[in-house]
C-alpha atoms as a PDB file:
ATOM      1  CA  MET A   1      72.953  60.722  55.698  1.00  0.00           C
ATOM      2  CA  GLU A   2      76.372  62.046  56.732  1.00  0.00           C
ATOM      3  CA  ASN A   3      77.322  65.707  56.761  1.00  0.00           C
ATOM      4  CA  ARG A   4      80.060  64.970  54.192  1.00  0.00           C
ATOM      5  CA  SER A   5      77.428  63.591  51.802  1.00  0.00           C
ATOM      6  CA  VAL A   6      75.362  66.757  52.149  1.00  0.00           C
ATOM      7  CA  LEU A   7      78.509  68.821  51.523  1.00  0.00           C
ATOM      8  CA  ILE A   8      79.196  66.828  48.357  1.00  0.00           C
ATOM      9  CA  GLY A   9      75.598  67.432  47.290  1.00  0.00           C
ATOM     10  CA  LEU A  10      75.949  71.168  47.893  1.00  0.00           C
ATOM     11  CA  HIS A  11      79.222  71.283  46.007  1.00  0.00           C
ATOM     12  CA  GLY A  12      77.675  69.721  42.929  1.00  0.00           C
ATOM     13  CA  ILE A  13      74.862  72.260  42.532  1.00  0.00           C
ATOM     14  CA  THR A  14      75.419  74.693  39.661  1.00  0.00           C
ATOM     15  CA  GLY A  15      75.648  78.264  40.916  1.00  0.00           C
ATOM     16  CA  VAL A  16      76.431  77.300  44.505  1.00  0.00           C
ATOM     17  CA  GLY A  17      80.011  78.434  44.971  1.00  0.00           C
ATOM     18  CA  TRP A  18      82.626  78.498  47.699  1.00  0.00           C
ATOM     19  CA  LYS A  19      81.179  81.517  49.524  1.00  0.00           C
ATOM     20  CA  THR A  20      77.628  80.167  49.590  1.00  0.00           C
ATOM     21  CA  ILE A  21      78.829  76.859  51.012  1.00  0.00           C
ATOM     22  CA  ASP A  22      80.932  78.714  53.583  1.00  0.00           C
ATOM     23  CA  LEU A  23      77.876  80.714  54.633  1.00  0.00           C
ATOM     24  CA  LEU A  24      75.767  77.574  54.998  1.00  0.00           C
ATOM     25  CA  VAL A  25      78.445  75.672  56.931  1.00  0.00           C
ATOM     26  CA  ARG A  26      78.838  78.570  59.360  1.00  0.00           C
ATOM     27  CA  SER A  27      75.083  79.006  59.726  1.00  0.00           C
ATOM     28  CA  CYS A  28      74.081  75.372  60.144  1.00  0.00           C
ATOM     29  CA  SER A  29      75.819  73.260  62.784  1.00  0.00           C
ATOM     30  CA  ASP A  30      74.436  70.062  61.269  1.00  0.00           C
ATOM     31  CA  LEU A  31      74.344  70.114  57.469  1.00  0.00           C
ATOM     32  CA  LYS A  32      71.750  67.344  57.429  1.00  0.00           C
ATOM     33  CA  ASP A  33      69.265  69.972  58.631  1.00  0.00           C
ATOM     34  CA  LEU A  34      69.580  71.672  55.232  1.00  0.00           C
ATOM     35  CA  LEU A  35      67.584  68.808  53.739  1.00  0.00           C
ATOM     36  CA  LEU A  36      64.582  70.158  55.663  1.00  0.00           C
ATOM     37  CA  TRP A  37      65.118  73.878  55.118  1.00  0.00           C
ATOM     38  CA  SER A  38      62.452  75.993  53.453  1.00  0.00           C
ATOM     39  CA  ALA A  39      62.919  78.867  51.027  1.00  0.00           C
ATOM     40  CA  GLY A  40      62.468  81.238  53.970  1.00  0.00           C
ATOM     41  CA  ASP A  41      65.337  79.653  55.898  1.00  0.00           C
ATOM     42  CA  TYR A  42      67.703  80.279  52.995  1.00  0.00           C
ATOM     43  CA  ALA A  43      66.308  83.761  52.356  1.00  0.00           C
ATOM     44  CA  ARG A  44      67.146  84.830  55.910  1.00  0.00           C
ATOM     45  CA  LEU A  45      70.813  84.356  55.016  1.00  0.00           C
ATOM     46  CA  GLY A  46      70.491  86.711  52.056  1.00  0.00           C
ATOM     47  CA  ILE A  47      70.791  84.003  49.400  1.00  0.00           C
ATOM     48  CA  PRO A  48      69.252  85.094  46.052  1.00  0.00           C
ATOM     49  CA  ALA A  49      65.907  83.574  45.077  1.00  0.00           C
ATOM     50  CA  ALA A  50      67.193  81.776  41.951  1.00  0.00           C
ATOM     51  CA  ARG A  51      69.926  80.063  43.980  1.00  0.00           C
ATOM     52  CA  ILE A  52      67.426  79.133  46.696  1.00  0.00           C
ATOM     53  CA  GLN A  53      65.268  77.352  44.167  1.00  0.00           C
ATOM     54  CA  ARG A  54      68.239  75.315  42.947  1.00  0.00           C
ATOM     55  CA  LEU A  55      69.098  74.382  46.527  1.00  0.00           C
ATOM     56  CA  ILE A  56      65.569  73.183  47.219  1.00  0.00           C
ATOM     57  CA  ASP A  57      65.346  71.275  43.925  1.00  0.00           C
ATOM     58  CA  GLU A  58      68.804  69.670  44.015  1.00  0.00           C
ATOM     59  CA  LEU A  59      69.658  69.139  47.679  1.00  0.00           C
ATOM     60  CA  THR A  60      67.615  65.991  48.249  1.00  0.00           C
ATOM     61  CA  PRO A  61      68.672  62.572  49.598  1.00  0.00           C
ATOM     62  CA  PHE A  62      67.765  60.900  46.300  1.00  0.00           C
ATOM     63  CA  LYS A  63      69.872  63.230  44.156  1.00  0.00           C
ATOM     64  CA  ILE A  64      72.801  63.158  46.580  1.00  0.00           C
ATOM     65  CA  GLU A  65      72.852  59.346  46.589  1.00  0.00           C
ATOM     66  CA  ALA A  66      72.589  59.248  42.807  1.00  0.00           C
ATOM     67  CA  SER A  67      75.552  61.606  42.525  1.00  0.00           C
ATOM     68  CA  LEU A  68      77.678  59.553  44.924  1.00  0.00           C
ATOM     69  CA  GLU A  69      76.907  56.402  42.953  1.00  0.00           C
ATOM     70  CA  LYS A  70      77.965  58.072  39.723  1.00  0.00           C
ATOM     71  CA  TYR A  71      81.358  59.056  41.134  1.00  0.00           C
ATOM     72  CA  GLU A  72      81.844  55.536  42.439  1.00  0.00           C
ATOM     73  CA  SER A  73      80.944  54.010  39.078  1.00  0.00           C
ATOM     74  CA  LEU A  74      83.585  56.198  37.397  1.00  0.00           C
ATOM     75  CA  GLY A  75      86.274  55.236  39.908  1.00  0.00           C
ATOM     76  CA  ILE A  76      86.506  58.775  41.281  1.00  0.00           C
ATOM     77  CA  GLY A  77      87.235  59.088  44.996  1.00  0.00           C
ATOM     78  CA  ILE A  78      85.943  62.035  47.011  1.00  0.00           C
ATOM     79  CA  LEU A  79      87.758  63.861  49.809  1.00  0.00           C
ATOM     80  CA  THR A  80      85.985  66.613  51.768  1.00  0.00           C
ATOM     81  CA  ARG A  81      86.995  69.176  54.362  1.00  0.00           C
ATOM     82  CA  PHE A  82      85.226  66.950  56.904  1.00  0.00           C
ATOM     83  CA  ASP A  83      87.508  63.971  56.206  1.00  0.00           C
ATOM     84  CA  PRO A  84      90.633  63.202  58.294  1.00  0.00           C
ATOM     85  CA  GLY A  85      92.663  62.619  55.127  1.00  0.00           C
ATOM     86  CA  TYR A  86      92.189  66.179  53.874  1.00  0.00           C
ATOM     87  CA  PRO A  87      95.701  67.660  53.428  1.00  0.00           C
ATOM     88  CA  ARG A  88      96.703  69.840  56.360  1.00  0.00           C
ATOM     89  CA  LEU A  89      98.636  72.373  54.289  1.00  0.00           C
ATOM     90  CA  LEU A  90      95.683  72.962  52.000  1.00  0.00           C
ATOM     91  CA  GLU A  91      93.332  73.278  54.966  1.00  0.00           C
ATOM     92  CA  GLU A  92      95.477  76.162  56.257  1.00  0.00           C
ATOM     93  CA  THR A  93      94.949  78.295  53.138  1.00  0.00           C
ATOM     94  CA  ALA A  94      92.552  81.211  52.814  1.00  0.00           C
ATOM     95  CA  GLN A  95      90.090  79.410  50.539  1.00  0.00           C
ATOM     96  CA  PRO A  96      90.620  75.635  50.654  1.00  0.00           C
ATOM     97  CA  PRO A  97      88.385  73.591  48.330  1.00  0.00           C
ATOM     98  CA  TRP A  98      85.380  72.112  50.084  1.00  0.00           C
ATOM     99  CA  VAL A  99      85.653  68.937  48.035  1.00  0.00           C
ATOM    100  CA  LEU A 100      88.431  67.250  46.071  1.00  0.00           C
ATOM    101  CA  TYR A 101      87.664  64.633  43.414  1.00  0.00           C
ATOM    102  CA  CYS A 102      90.486  62.125  43.125  1.00  0.00           C
ATOM    103  CA  ARG A 103      91.780  59.383  40.884  1.00  0.00           C
ATOM    104  CA  GLY A 104      94.763  57.471  42.218  1.00  0.00           C
ATOM    105  CA  ARG A 105      96.274  57.134  45.684  1.00  0.00           C
ATOM    106  CA  GLN A 106      95.005  59.757  48.104  1.00  0.00           C
ATOM    107  CA  GLU A 107      97.786  58.784  50.538  1.00  0.00           C
ATOM    108  CA  VAL A 108     100.285  60.896  48.599  1.00  0.00           C
ATOM    109  CA  LEU A 109      98.479  63.987  49.889  1.00  0.00           C
ATOM    110  CA  GLN A 110      99.995  63.248  53.299  1.00  0.00           C
ATOM    111  CA  ARG A 111     103.612  63.384  52.077  1.00  0.00           C
ATOM    112  CA  PRO A 112     105.861  66.475  51.805  1.00  0.00           C
ATOM    113  CA  THR A 113     105.019  68.171  48.518  1.00  0.00           C
ATOM    114  CA  LEU A 114     106.701  70.733  46.277  1.00  0.00           C
ATOM    115  CA  GLY A 115     105.101  72.522  43.336  1.00  0.00           C
ATOM    116  CA  VAL A 116     106.926  72.779  40.004  1.00  0.00           C
ATOM    117  CA  VAL A 117     105.386  75.181  37.485  1.00  0.00           C
ATOM    118  CA  GLY A 118     106.335  77.165  34.422  1.00  0.00           C
ATOM    119  CA  THR A 119     105.505  78.205  30.894  1.00  0.00           C
ATOM    120  CA  ARG A 120     103.469  76.080  28.491  1.00  0.00           C
ATOM    121  CA  THR A 121     105.999  76.846  25.733  1.00  0.00           C
ATOM    122  CA  PRO A 122     109.396  76.179  27.293  1.00  0.00           C
ATOM    123  CA  THR A 123     112.792  76.110  25.658  1.00  0.00           C
ATOM    124  CA  ALA A 124     114.818  72.897  25.499  1.00  0.00           C
ATOM    125  CA  TYR A 125     116.754  74.224  28.504  1.00  0.00           C
ATOM    126  CA  GLY A 126     113.546  74.689  30.490  1.00  0.00           C
ATOM    127  CA  ARG A 127     112.246  71.221  29.641  1.00  0.00           C
ATOM    128  CA  LYS A 128     115.494  69.584  30.715  1.00  0.00           C
ATOM    129  CA  ALA A 129     115.725  71.615  33.927  1.00  0.00           C
ATOM    130  CA  ALA A 130     112.130  70.865  34.938  1.00  0.00           C
ATOM    131  CA  ARG A 131     112.385  67.137  34.248  1.00  0.00           C
ATOM    132  CA  GLU A 132     115.756  66.624  35.919  1.00  0.00           C
ATOM    133  CA  LEU A 133     114.866  68.740  38.949  1.00  0.00           C
ATOM    134  CA  SER A 134     111.554  66.915  39.413  1.00  0.00           C
ATOM    135  CA  MET A 135     113.302  63.569  39.050  1.00  0.00           C
ATOM    136  CA  ALA A 136     115.755  64.516  41.794  1.00  0.00           C
ATOM    137  CA  LEU A 137     113.044  65.802  44.127  1.00  0.00           C
ATOM    138  CA  SER A 138     110.984  62.649  43.683  1.00  0.00           C
ATOM    139  CA  ALA A 139     114.065  60.469  44.183  1.00  0.00           C
ATOM    140  CA  ALA A 140     114.587  62.239  47.516  1.00  0.00           C
ATOM    141  CA  GLY A 141     110.995  61.410  48.502  1.00  0.00           C
ATOM    142  CA  PHE A 142     109.182  64.668  47.769  1.00  0.00           C
ATOM    143  CA  VAL A 143     105.870  64.588  45.912  1.00  0.00           C
ATOM    144  CA  VAL A 144     105.991  66.929  42.911  1.00  0.00           C
ATOM    145  CA  VAL A 145     102.765  68.868  42.330  1.00  0.00           C
ATOM    146  CA  SER A 146     101.902  70.488  39.009  1.00  0.00           C
ATOM    147  CA  GLY A 147      98.942  71.213  36.757  1.00  0.00           C
ATOM    148  CA  LEU A 148      99.131  68.678  33.872  1.00  0.00           C
ATOM    149  CA  ALA A 149      99.434  71.573  31.422  1.00  0.00           C
ATOM    150  CA  ARG A 150     101.641  71.561  28.353  1.00  0.00           C
ATOM    151  CA  GLY A 151     105.287  72.447  28.766  1.00  0.00           C
ATOM    152  CA  ILE A 152     106.919  72.643  32.191  1.00  0.00           C
ATOM    153  CA  ASP A 153     103.996  70.972  33.993  1.00  0.00           C
ATOM    154  CA  ALA A 154     104.218  67.899  31.779  1.00  0.00           C
ATOM    155  CA  GLU A 155     107.997  67.704  32.185  1.00  0.00           C
ATOM    156  CA  ALA A 156     107.603  67.886  35.975  1.00  0.00           C
ATOM    157  CA  HIS A 157     105.121  65.001  35.995  1.00  0.00           C
ATOM    158  CA  HIS A 158     107.254  62.909  33.643  1.00  0.00           C
ATOM    159  CA  GLY A 159     110.330  63.467  35.780  1.00  0.00           C
ATOM    160  CA  ALA A 160     108.649  62.696  39.100  1.00  0.00           C
ATOM    161  CA  LYS A 161     106.064  60.001  38.402  1.00  0.00           C
ATOM    162  CA  ASP A 162     108.374  56.989  38.696  1.00  0.00           C
ATOM    163  CA  GLY A 163     110.377  58.229  41.675  1.00  0.00           C
ATOM    164  CA  ALA A 164     109.934  57.436  45.356  1.00  0.00           C
ATOM    165  CA  GLY A 165     107.881  60.577  45.947  1.00  0.00           C
ATOM    166  CA  GLY A 166     105.704  60.460  42.850  1.00  0.00           C
ATOM    167  CA  THR A 167     103.517  63.258  41.563  1.00  0.00           C
ATOM    168  CA  ILE A 168     100.128  64.939  41.919  1.00  0.00           C
ATOM    169  CA  ALA A 169      98.374  66.537  38.943  1.00  0.00           C
ATOM    170  CA  VAL A 170      95.865  69.274  39.821  1.00  0.00           C
ATOM    171  CA  LEU A 171      93.313  69.657  37.047  1.00  0.00           C
ATOM    172  CA  GLY A 172      91.643  72.838  35.850  1.00  0.00           C
ATOM    173  CA  VAL A 173      88.710  70.766  34.559  1.00  0.00           C
ATOM    174  CA  PRO A 174      86.300  68.230  36.119  1.00  0.00           C
ATOM    175  CA  PRO A 175      87.740  64.811  37.036  1.00  0.00           C
ATOM    176  CA  ASP A 176      86.168  63.026  34.058  1.00  0.00           C
ATOM    177  CA  ARG A 177      87.915  65.300  31.551  1.00  0.00           C
ATOM    178  CA  ILE A 178      91.548  65.614  30.509  1.00  0.00           C
ATOM    179  CA  TYR A 179      93.035  68.852  29.275  1.00  0.00           C
ATOM    180  CA  PRO A 180      94.999  69.088  27.130  1.00  0.00           C
ATOM    181  CA  PRO A 181      93.688  65.886  25.484  1.00  0.00           C
ATOM    182  CA  GLU A 182      97.162  64.818  24.348  1.00  0.00           C
ATOM    183  CA  HIS A 183      98.026  64.250  28.001  1.00  0.00           C
ATOM    184  CA  THR A 184      95.607  61.332  28.318  1.00  0.00           C
ATOM    185  CA  ARG A 185      98.465  58.843  28.472  1.00  0.00           C
ATOM    186  CA  LEU A 186     100.391  60.941  31.011  1.00  0.00           C
ATOM    187  CA  HIS A 187      97.203  61.191  33.097  1.00  0.00           C
ATOM    188  CA  GLU A 188      96.927  57.393  33.221  1.00  0.00           C
ATOM    189  CA  GLU A 189     100.656  56.908  33.843  1.00  0.00           C
ATOM    190  CA  ILE A 190     100.474  59.159  36.899  1.00  0.00           C
ATOM    191  CA  ILE A 191      97.686  57.032  38.346  1.00  0.00           C
ATOM    192  CA  ALA A 192      99.346  53.721  37.397  1.00  0.00           C
ATOM    193  CA  SER A 193     102.630  54.780  39.038  1.00  0.00           C
ATOM    194  CA  GLY A 194     100.935  55.422  42.395  1.00  0.00           C
ATOM    195  CA  GLY A 195     100.388  59.149  41.996  1.00  0.00           C
ATOM    196  CA  LEU A 196      97.198  61.185  42.138  1.00  0.00           C
ATOM    197  CA  VAL A 197      95.067  63.256  39.787  1.00  0.00           C
ATOM    198  CA  VAL A 198      92.834  65.705  41.633  1.00  0.00           C
ATOM    199  CA  SER A 199      90.206  68.338  40.776  1.00  0.00           C
ATOM    200  CA  GLU A 200      87.977  70.598  42.828  1.00  0.00           C
ATOM    201  CA  TYR A 201      85.398  70.824  40.029  1.00  0.00           C
ATOM    202  CA  PRO A 202      82.394  68.463  40.185  1.00  0.00           C
ATOM    203  CA  LEU A 203      81.095  66.443  37.264  1.00  0.00           C
ATOM    204  CA  GLY A 204      79.113  68.579  34.883  1.00  0.00           C
ATOM    205  CA  THR A 205      81.204  71.720  35.385  1.00  0.00           C
ATOM    206  CA  VAL A 206      81.517  73.495  32.049  1.00  0.00           C
ATOM    207  CA  PRO A 207      85.246  74.051  31.382  1.00  0.00           C
ATOM    208  CA  HIS A 208      86.300  77.664  30.845  1.00  0.00           C
ATOM    209  CA  PRO A 209      89.587  79.601  31.120  1.00  0.00           C
ATOM    210  CA  GLY A 210      88.674  81.075  34.508  1.00  0.00           C
ATOM    211  CA  LEU A 211      88.970  77.687  36.175  1.00  0.00           C
ATOM    212  CA  PHE A 212      92.717  77.440  35.620  1.00  0.00           C
ATOM    213  CA  PRO A 213      93.802  80.423  37.761  1.00  0.00           C
ATOM    214  CA  LEU A 214      91.674  78.968  40.582  1.00  0.00           C
ATOM    215  CA  ARG A 215      93.488  75.659  40.091  1.00  0.00           C
ATOM    216  CA  ASN A 216      96.781  77.467  40.756  1.00  0.00           C
ATOM    217  CA  ARG A 217      95.800  78.224  44.350  1.00  0.00           C
ATOM    218  CA  VAL A 218      95.404  74.479  44.961  1.00  0.00           C
ATOM    219  CA  ILE A 219      98.890  73.768  43.589  1.00  0.00           C
ATOM    220  CA  ALA A 220     100.315  76.459  45.882  1.00  0.00           C
ATOM    221  CA  GLY A 221      98.155  75.349  48.806  1.00  0.00           C
ATOM    222  CA  LEU A 222      99.292  71.732  48.634  1.00  0.00           C
ATOM    223  CA  SER A 223     102.973  72.649  48.488  1.00  0.00           C
ATOM    224  CA  LEU A 224     105.623  73.455  51.054  1.00  0.00           C
ATOM    225  CA  GLY A 225     107.196  75.562  48.338  1.00  0.00           C
ATOM    226  CA  VAL A 226     106.776  76.376  44.660  1.00  0.00           C
ATOM    227  CA  ILE A 227     109.583  76.203  42.095  1.00  0.00           C
ATOM    228  CA  VAL A 228     109.221  78.296  38.936  1.00  0.00           C
ATOM    229  CA  VAL A 229     111.064  76.974  35.864  1.00  0.00           C
ATOM    230  CA  GLU A 230     110.840  79.431  32.966  1.00  0.00           C
ATOM    231  CA  ALA A 231     107.992  81.941  32.966  1.00  0.00           C
ATOM    232  CA  ALA A 232     107.234  85.131  31.095  1.00  0.00           C
ATOM    233  CA  GLU A 233     106.835  88.397  33.000  1.00  0.00           C
ATOM    234  CA  ARG A 234     103.071  87.913  33.099  1.00  0.00           C
ATOM    235  CA  SER A 235     102.058  84.304  33.449  1.00  0.00           C
ATOM    236  CA  GLY A 236     100.001  81.864  35.466  1.00  0.00           C
ATOM    237  CA  SER A 237     103.193  80.529  36.995  1.00  0.00           C
ATOM    238  CA  LEU A 238     103.889  83.891  38.630  1.00  0.00           C
ATOM    239  CA  ILE A 239     100.314  83.918  39.905  1.00  0.00           C
ATOM    240  CA  THR A 240     101.025  80.563  41.538  1.00  0.00           C
ATOM    241  CA  ALA A 241     104.210  81.981  43.070  1.00  0.00           C
ATOM    242  CA  ASP A 242     102.285  84.987  44.401  1.00  0.00           C
ATOM    243  CA  LEU A 243      99.654  82.674  45.896  1.00  0.00           C
ATOM    244  CA  ALA A 244     102.414  80.661  47.554  1.00  0.00           C
ATOM    245  CA  LEU A 245     103.841  83.831  49.106  1.00  0.00           C
ATOM    246  CA  GLU A 246     100.404  84.836  50.358  1.00  0.00           C
ATOM    247  CA  GLU A 247     100.186  81.494  52.154  1.00  0.00           C
ATOM    248  CA  SER A 248     103.716  81.891  53.600  1.00  0.00           C
ATOM    249  CA  ARG A 249     105.139  79.115  51.446  1.00  0.00           C
ATOM    250  CA  ASP A 250     108.658  79.067  50.024  1.00  0.00           C
ATOM    251  CA  VAL A 251     109.282  80.298  46.486  1.00  0.00           C
ATOM    252  CA  PHE A 252     112.198  79.099  44.360  1.00  0.00           C
ATOM    253  CA  ALA A 253     113.194  80.009  40.816  1.00  0.00           C
ATOM    254  CA  VAL A 254     115.488  78.443  38.233  1.00  0.00           C
ATOM    255  CA  PRO A 255     117.593  81.119  36.490  1.00  0.00           C
ATOM    256  CA  GLY A 256     117.871  81.249  32.716  1.00  0.00           C
ATOM    257  CA  PRO A 257     119.543  83.345  29.998  1.00  0.00           C
ATOM    258  CA  ILE A 258     119.070  87.052  30.673  1.00  0.00           C
ATOM    259  CA  HIS A 259     118.004  87.727  27.069  1.00  0.00           C
ATOM    260  CA  SER A 260     115.356  84.992  26.956  1.00  0.00           C
ATOM    261  CA  PRO A 261     111.727  86.179  27.392  1.00  0.00           C
ATOM    262  CA  LYS A 262     111.025  82.791  28.978  1.00  0.00           C
ATOM    263  CA  SER A 263     113.453  83.599  31.791  1.00  0.00           C
ATOM    264  CA  ARG A 264     112.159  87.026  32.748  1.00  0.00           C
ATOM    265  CA  GLY A 265     109.568  85.800  35.217  1.00  0.00           C
ATOM    266  CA  ALA A 266     111.989  83.564  37.115  1.00  0.00           C
ATOM    267  CA  LEU A 267     114.715  86.204  37.110  1.00  0.00           C
ATOM    268  CA  SER A 268     112.233  88.748  38.416  1.00  0.00           C
ATOM    269  CA  LEU A 269     111.310  86.409  41.269  1.00  0.00           C
ATOM    270  CA  ILE A 270     114.984  86.005  42.156  1.00  0.00           C
ATOM    271  CA  LYS A 271     115.397  89.793  42.248  1.00  0.00           C
ATOM    272  CA  GLN A 272     112.433  89.955  44.621  1.00  0.00           C
ATOM    273  CA  GLY A 273     113.957  87.427  47.005  1.00  0.00           C
ATOM    274  CA  ALA A 274     112.998  83.983  45.694  1.00  0.00           C
ATOM    275  CA  LYS A 275     115.749  81.447  46.297  1.00  0.00           C
ATOM    276  CA  MET A 276     117.754  80.690  43.164  1.00  0.00           C
ATOM    277  CA  VAL A 277     117.943  76.996  42.275  1.00  0.00           C
ATOM    278  CA  THR A 278     120.861  75.669  40.249  1.00  0.00           C
ATOM    279  CA  ASP A 279     121.028  72.262  41.941  1.00  0.00           C
ATOM    280  CA  PRO A 280     118.492  70.103  43.859  1.00  0.00           C
ATOM    281  CA  ARG A 281     120.592  70.661  46.965  1.00  0.00           C
ATOM    282  CA  ASP A 282     119.468  74.300  46.953  1.00  0.00           C
ATOM    283  CA  ILE A 283     116.006  72.952  47.767  1.00  0.00           C
ATOM    284  CA  TYR A 284     117.018  70.038  50.013  1.00  0.00           C
ATOM    285  CA  GLU A 285     118.823  72.336  52.428  1.00  0.00           C
ATOM    286  CA  GLU A 286     115.561  74.149  53.179  1.00  0.00           C
ATOM    287  CA  TYR A 287     113.905  70.898  54.278  1.00  0.00           C
ATOM    288  CA  MET A 288     116.667  68.981  56.054  1.00  0.00           C
ATOM    289  CA  HIS A 289     114.285  68.346  58.940  1.00  0.00           C
ATOM    290  CA  LEU A 290     112.142  66.229  56.586  1.00  0.00           C
ATOM    291  CA  LEU A 291     114.803  64.250  54.772  1.00  0.00           C
ATOM    292  CA  SER A 292     115.424  61.595  57.442  1.00  0.00           C
ATOM    293  CA  THR A 293     111.703  60.861  57.518  1.00  0.00           C
ATOM    294  CA  LEU A 294     111.620  60.636  53.742  1.00  0.00           C
ATOM    295  CA  SER A 295     114.536  58.193  53.812  1.00  0.00           C
ATOM    296  CA  GLY A 296     112.550  55.842  56.014  1.00  0.00           C
ATOM    297  CA  GLN A 297     109.553  56.069  53.694  1.00  0.00           C
ATOM    298  CA  MET A 298     111.800  55.225  50.727  1.00  0.00           C
ATOM    299  CA  GLY A 299     112.821  51.887  52.242  1.00  0.00           C
ATOM    300  CA  GLY A 300     116.060  52.914  53.916  1.00  0.00           C
ATOM    301  CA  SER A 301     118.653  51.124  51.754  1.00  0.00           C
ATOM    302  CA  VAL A 302     120.164  51.068  48.280  1.00  0.00           C
ATOM    303  CA  GLN A 303     120.725  47.842  46.333  1.00  0.00           C
ATOM    304  CA  PRO A 304     124.112  47.176  44.702  1.00  0.00           C
ATOM    305  CA  GLY A 305     122.602  46.090  41.398  1.00  0.00           C
ATOM    306  CA  THR A 306     121.582  49.657  40.583  1.00  0.00           C
ATOM    307  CA  LEU A 307     125.106  50.943  39.961  1.00  0.00           C
ATOM    308  CA  PRO A 308     126.963  51.780  36.743  1.00  0.00           C
ATOM    309  CA  SER A 309     129.938  49.736  35.646  1.00  0.00           C
ATOM    310  CA  PRO A 310     133.298  50.649  37.266  1.00  0.00           C
ATOM    311  CA  GLU A 311     134.766  51.403  33.835  1.00  0.00           C
ATOM    312  CA  GLN A 312     132.427  54.372  33.368  1.00  0.00           C
ATOM    313  CA  GLN A 313     133.910  57.729  34.370  1.00  0.00           C
ATOM    314  CA  LEU A 314     132.629  58.775  37.793  1.00  0.00           C
ATOM    315  CA  THR A 315     133.111  61.824  39.973  1.00  0.00           C
ATOM    316  CA  GLU A 316     135.107  61.526  43.182  1.00  0.00           C
ATOM    317  CA  ASP A 317     131.956  61.328  45.329  1.00  0.00           C
ATOM    318  CA  GLU A 318     130.383  58.783  42.972  1.00  0.00           C
ATOM    319  CA  VAL A 319     133.486  56.569  43.274  1.00  0.00           C
ATOM    320  CA  ILE A 320     133.158  56.652  47.069  1.00  0.00           C
ATOM    321  CA  LEU A 321     129.564  55.463  46.880  1.00  0.00           C
ATOM    322  CA  TYR A 322     130.312  52.932  44.166  1.00  0.00           C
ATOM    323  CA  ARG A 323     132.928  51.234  46.341  1.00  0.00           C
ATOM    324  CA  LEU A 324     130.579  51.140  49.323  1.00  0.00           C
ATOM    325  CA  LEU A 325     127.728  49.660  47.272  1.00  0.00           C
ATOM    326  CA  SER A 326     129.564  47.314  44.949  1.00  0.00           C
ATOM    327  CA  SER A 327     128.805  44.090  46.842  1.00  0.00           C
ATOM    328  CA  VAL A 328     125.943  44.288  49.360  1.00  0.00           C
ATOM    329  CA  PRO A 329     122.905  46.509  50.105  1.00  0.00           C
ATOM    330  CA  VAL A 330     123.797  49.339  52.463  1.00  0.00           C
ATOM    331  CA  PRO A 331     121.288  51.229  54.674  1.00  0.00           C
ATOM    332  CA  ILE A 332     120.977  54.968  54.092  1.00  0.00           C
ATOM    333  CA  ASP A 333     122.089  55.815  57.648  1.00  0.00           C
ATOM    334  CA  VAL A 334     125.278  53.763  57.193  1.00  0.00           C
ATOM    335  CA  LEU A 335     126.032  55.561  53.929  1.00  0.00           C
ATOM    336  CA  LEU A 336     125.598  58.901  55.683  1.00  0.00           C
ATOM    337  CA  GLU A 337     127.980  57.863  58.452  1.00  0.00           C
ATOM    338  CA  GLN A 338     130.644  56.418  56.168  1.00  0.00           C
ATOM    339  CA  THR A 339     130.622  59.165  53.544  1.00  0.00           C
ATOM    340  CA  GLN A 340     129.970  62.133  55.856  1.00  0.00           C
ATOM    341  CA  PHE A 341     127.807  63.568  53.059  1.00  0.00           C
ATOM    342  CA  THR A 342     124.785  65.684  53.896  1.00  0.00           C
ATOM    343  CA  PHE A 343     121.520  63.854  53.304  1.00  0.00           C
ATOM    344  CA  GLY A 344     120.661  66.033  50.327  1.00  0.00           C
ATOM    345  CA  HIS A 345     124.090  65.530  48.745  1.00  0.00           C
ATOM    346  CA  LEU A 346     123.882  61.773  49.284  1.00  0.00           C
ATOM    347  CA  HIS A 347     120.588  61.580  47.400  1.00  0.00           C
ATOM    348  CA  SER A 348     121.980  63.769  44.630  1.00  0.00           C
ATOM    349  CA  VAL A 349     125.022  61.509  44.143  1.00  0.00           C
ATOM    350  CA  LEU A 350     122.863  58.363  44.291  1.00  0.00           C
ATOM    351  CA  LEU A 351     120.588  59.809  41.628  1.00  0.00           C
ATOM    352  CA  SER A 352     123.587  60.599  39.428  1.00  0.00           C
ATOM    353  CA  LEU A 353     124.796  57.001  39.731  1.00  0.00           C
ATOM    354  CA  LEU A 354     121.373  55.684  38.818  1.00  0.00           C
ATOM    355  CA  LEU A 355     121.176  57.923  35.762  1.00  0.00           C
ATOM    356  CA  LYS A 356     124.620  56.836  34.585  1.00  0.00           C
ATOM    357  CA  ASN A 357     123.625  53.212  35.060  1.00  0.00           C
ATOM    358  CA  ASN A 358     120.497  53.745  32.974  1.00  0.00           C
ATOM    359  CA  SER A 359     122.444  55.453  30.199  1.00  0.00           C
ATOM    360  CA  SER A 360     124.983  52.613  30.069  1.00  0.00           C
ATOM    361  CA  SER A 361     122.446  49.766  30.118  1.00  0.00           C
END
């Protein structure tokens, strides 16, 4: 039996939390040895008697294999700290999950990611800002990470799921549950579009409110930076921003009306030094070193059939691109050379053309 299988078995035992697993991993060079440990071996580490009994009863080859088979039967993939595909950014955090339970494409965990979070009860302005910003980020190749909650989270997933980057939903419940239940369709759309739904909570975990703040550290940990779109002065979104700062990640905030309670959290972050975002380019310019790589991952060219009609009113920059793309596909690097746009601005103008084409079709 592999060490990762023993780790998965440990992780699924009720009452055995992150700190207990950390203690056992540090104390036992080969986790397979735990299968032979006695109550005395555990007691020497200071583990309480009740927890020791659960370890002895539950950490057996038979029960571990049965658990692995159950996850497989449900179509749930498992990624552990021992696996090469475990996301590097998350591994660098203070308390990375020992195990992640996944539905969808785990490969997206290896792409540049940005968190988009905010209130569960946004204004129309907040909904529009979150969806359009997430759409632009995904179009540029970034993976948008959020928590599948009502409000801003849902708008972020909707905006990003069909773009080149896609989206990751981090659950605050076990992987066989969906909360809120009205997001069942969104949950499946994320998976169908090539995204990922992930949870650190094993099957059988009883959902409770305390799980959601813990989920926020995973959103922050997976992300190069976190963007707050509408948040009250005291909210889970600000907790996520604080966690991002603690892990030396970037924090961005979308400004809103000064008299709106929904804007106070974001405005407070801006006062404290978070970068204000009024355009996707405010974010792109922080990650210019990644954008050429993202362009290659996106396929490297734009097809002429994706443009709006010439009769539609275009901006000056959109006209330049329209003329370049009106007859044949053009590689991204050629567009950059011929337009002299920055990479971020090029993607922004391309996205605008695509949106105008969609609205006219």
